[in-house]
Each structure stands twice: as C-alpha cells, then as structure tokens.
C-alpha cells in the first residue's frame, strides 16, 4: 500500500493570515498530484482547543505525519507569517509543490 494514502496531514494557521488560502490550494494540488483525497486537519493557532504542537509553528504551516514540509525550526517561526521561495528563488506565500 502507498504510504502517502495513510499520511496524517495538518494545516496550522492564524485566522488573519493572508497566506492560509494559498496553502490550502497548494495542499489540494499536492494531494491531486499524488492521487489521494484532499483531506487534512486544520488548527487555528489562537484556539485554546488546538493541540500544543500546533501553537509552535508560524502561519501557515503544513505538517505530514508531524513533520514540517518546509523543514523549518519551530522556535524561529512561532509568531511569524511564513513565506516560501519557489524553485526559481521568488518569494511565494504558502508551500511549493514539486520543487
């Protein structure tokens, strides 16, 4: 069985983050590329009901099986609005797919 089919995907965000919708789009694209249903758990970092681990990342963050797909250090991102670079080096909100 393909291990991607059993992955736990989480999106961590701040309610006022301008990059959250872009990250959702990237998640939908990535799931389509690997042929899985686009399903993930979302955590609002400001919600007291969110798990402790979700409060340690900047917004937006995508975790797959608990690992930050950007390979970032949580301590440096805690109160940050995350912006990523494309393969061409341009800044882009959300996460890139396919390098």
C-alpha atoms as a PDB file:
ATOM      1  CA  UNK A   1       0.000   0.000   0.000  1.00  0.00           C
ATOM      2  CA  UNK A   2       1.177   3.512  -0.814  1.00  0.00           C
ATOM      3  CA  UNK A   3       2.315   5.163   2.472  1.00  0.00           C
ATOM      4  CA  UNK A   4       1.013   8.541   1.232  1.00  0.00           C
ATOM      5  CA  UNK A   5      -2.511   7.141   1.441  1.00  0.00           C
ATOM      6  CA  UNK A   6      -2.114   6.783   5.193  1.00  0.00           C
ATOM      7  CA  UNK A   7      -0.363  10.096   5.922  1.00  0.00           C
ATOM      8  CA  UNK A   8      -1.730  12.486   8.524  1.00  0.00           C
ATOM      9  CA  UNK A   9      -1.812  15.992   7.079  1.00  0.00           C
ATOM     10  CA  UNK A  10      -2.282  19.118   9.200  1.00  0.00           C
ATOM     11  CA  UNK A  11      -2.596  22.788   8.274  1.00  0.00           C
ATOM     12  CA  UNK A  12      -1.702  25.223  11.056  1.00  0.00           C
ATOM     13  CA  UNK A  13      -2.777  28.822  10.565  1.00  0.00           C
ATOM     14  CA  UNK A  14      -3.644  32.166  12.120  1.00  0.00           C
ATOM     15  CA  UNK A  15      -7.177  33.418  11.351  1.00  0.00           C
ATOM     16  CA  UNK A  16      -5.823  36.690   9.945  1.00  0.00           C
ATOM     17  CA  UNK A  17      -3.011  35.131   7.910  1.00  0.00           C
ATOM     18  CA  UNK A  18      -3.188  36.282   4.272  1.00  0.00           C
ATOM     19  CA  UNK A  19      -1.391  33.108   3.113  1.00  0.00           C
ATOM     20  CA  UNK A  20      -3.765  30.484   4.527  1.00  0.00           C
ATOM     21  CA  UNK A  21      -5.947  30.155   1.438  1.00  0.00           C
ATOM     22  CA  UNK A  22      -2.864  29.821  -0.752  1.00  0.00           C
ATOM     23  CA  UNK A  23      -1.621  26.988   1.490  1.00  0.00           C
ATOM     24  CA  UNK A  24      -4.993  25.247   1.150  1.00  0.00           C
ATOM     25  CA  UNK A  25      -4.673  25.489  -2.619  1.00  0.00           C
ATOM     26  CA  UNK A  26      -1.193  24.009  -2.506  1.00  0.00           C
ATOM     27  CA  UNK A  27      -2.480  21.156  -0.343  1.00  0.00           C
ATOM     28  CA  UNK A  28      -5.272  20.420  -2.836  1.00  0.00           C
ATOM     29  CA  UNK A  29      -2.730  20.477  -5.682  1.00  0.00           C
ATOM     30  CA  UNK A  30      -0.267  18.208  -3.860  1.00  0.00           C
ATOM     31  CA  UNK A  31      -2.961  15.674  -2.984  1.00  0.00           C
ATOM     32  CA  UNK A  32      -4.134  15.619  -6.609  1.00  0.00           C
ATOM     33  CA  UNK A  33      -0.548  15.103  -7.831  1.00  0.00           C
ATOM     34  CA  UNK A  34      -0.089  12.017  -5.673  1.00  0.00           C
ATOM     35  CA  UNK A  35      -3.617  10.745  -6.291  1.00  0.00           C
ATOM     36  CA  UNK A  36      -5.070  10.955  -2.793  1.00  0.00           C
ATOM     37  CA  UNK A  37      -8.236  12.533  -1.470  1.00  0.00           C
ATOM     38  CA  UNK A  38      -7.560  16.083  -0.290  1.00  0.00           C
ATOM     39  CA  UNK A  39      -8.262  15.667   3.418  1.00  0.00           C
ATOM     40  CA  UNK A  40      -6.408  17.287   6.282  1.00  0.00           C
ATOM     41  CA  UNK A  41      -6.930  18.609   9.782  1.00  0.00           C
ATOM     42  CA  UNK A  42      -6.786  22.362  10.349  1.00  0.00           C
ATOM     43  CA  UNK A  43      -5.606  24.012  13.558  1.00  0.00           C
ATOM     44  CA  UNK A  44      -6.194  27.660  14.425  1.00  0.00           C
ATOM     45  CA  UNK A  45      -3.104  28.558  16.476  1.00  0.00           C
ATOM     46  CA  UNK A  46      -5.084  31.018  18.595  1.00  0.00           C
ATOM     47  CA  UNK A  47      -7.775  28.495  19.561  1.00  0.00           C
ATOM     48  CA  UNK A  48      -7.277  27.070  23.059  1.00  0.00           C
ATOM     49  CA  UNK A  49      -8.652  23.753  21.748  1.00  0.00           C
ATOM     50  CA  UNK A  50      -5.746  23.405  19.295  1.00  0.00           C
ATOM     51  CA  UNK A  51      -3.025  20.982  20.377  1.00  0.00           C
ATOM     52  CA  UNK A  52       0.178  22.332  21.888  1.00  0.00           C
ATOM     53  CA  UNK A  53       2.259  21.274  18.885  1.00  0.00           C
ATOM     54  CA  UNK A  54       0.124  23.483  16.609  1.00  0.00           C
ATOM     55  CA  UNK A  55       0.997  26.550  18.657  1.00  0.00           C
ATOM     56  CA  UNK A  56       4.714  26.120  17.967  1.00  0.00           C
ATOM     57  CA  UNK A  57       4.640  26.904  14.236  1.00  0.00           C
ATOM     58  CA  UNK A  58       4.255  30.027  12.143  1.00  0.00           C
ATOM     59  CA  UNK A  59       1.314  30.511   9.798  1.00  0.00           C
ATOM     60  CA  UNK A  60       0.685  28.776   7.536  1.00  0.00           C
ATOM     61  CA  UNK A  61       2.460  25.501   8.252  1.00  0.00           C
ATOM     62  CA  UNK A  62       1.781  22.123   6.664  1.00  0.00           C
ATOM     63  CA  UNK A  63       2.743  19.009   8.612  1.00  0.00           C
ATOM     64  CA  UNK A  64       2.784  15.500   7.145  1.00  0.00           C
ATOM     65  CA  UNK A  65       2.955  12.853   9.838  1.00  0.00           C
ATOM     66  CA  UNK A  66       4.078  15.558  12.265  1.00  0.00           C
ATOM     67  CA  UNK A  67       6.944  16.804  10.085  1.00  0.00           C
ATOM     68  CA  UNK A  68       7.043  20.350   8.711  1.00  0.00           C
ATOM     69  CA  UNK A  69       7.197  20.004   4.913  1.00  0.00           C
ATOM     70  CA  UNK A  70       9.413  23.100   4.749  1.00  0.00           C
ATOM     71  CA  UNK A  71      11.870  21.610   7.234  1.00  0.00           C
ATOM     72  CA  UNK A  72      11.678  24.699   9.405  1.00  0.00           C
ATOM     73  CA  UNK A  73      12.723  25.148  13.012  1.00  0.00           C
ATOM     74  CA  UNK A  74       9.575  25.779  15.069  1.00  0.00           C
ATOM     75  CA  UNK A  75      11.333  28.055  17.542  1.00  0.00           C
ATOM     76  CA  UNK A  76      12.134  30.584  14.824  1.00  0.00           C
ATOM     77  CA  UNK A  77       8.631  30.560  13.311  1.00  0.00           C
ATOM     78  CA  UNK A  78       6.387  30.776  16.357  1.00  0.00           C
ATOM     79  CA  UNK A  79       4.993  34.253  15.724  1.00  0.00           C
ATOM     80  CA  UNK A  80       5.903  34.513  12.072  1.00  0.00           C
ATOM     81  CA  UNK A  81       3.948  34.823   8.871  1.00  0.00           C
ATOM     82  CA  UNK A  82       5.612  32.207   6.715  1.00  0.00           C
ATOM     83  CA  UNK A  83       6.626  32.986   3.140  1.00  0.00           C
ATOM     84  CA  UNK A  84       8.414  30.417   0.984  1.00  0.00           C
ATOM     85  CA  UNK A  85      10.674  30.556  -2.050  1.00  0.00           C
ATOM     86  CA  UNK A  86       9.849  28.861  -5.329  1.00  0.00           C
ATOM     87  CA  UNK A  87      12.439  26.718  -7.105  1.00  0.00           C
ATOM     88  CA  UNK A  88      13.328  29.886  -9.053  1.00  0.00           C
ATOM     89  CA  UNK A  89      14.028  31.733  -5.786  1.00  0.00           C
ATOM     90  CA  UNK A  90      10.959  34.009  -5.817  1.00  0.00           C
ATOM     91  CA  UNK A  91       9.054  34.581  -2.583  1.00  0.00           C
ATOM     92  CA  UNK A  92       5.639  32.983  -2.526  1.00  0.00           C
ATOM     93  CA  UNK A  93       3.006  32.561   0.194  1.00  0.00           C
ATOM     94  CA  UNK A  94       2.106  29.009   1.171  1.00  0.00           C
ATOM     95  CA  UNK A  95       4.189  25.980   0.268  1.00  0.00           C
ATOM     96  CA  UNK A  96       5.617  24.996  -3.072  1.00  0.00           C
ATOM     97  CA  UNK A  97       4.769  21.696  -4.723  1.00  0.00           C
ATOM     98  CA  UNK A  98       7.110  19.633  -6.845  1.00  0.00           C
ATOM     99  CA  UNK A  99      10.272  21.691  -6.230  1.00  0.00           C
END
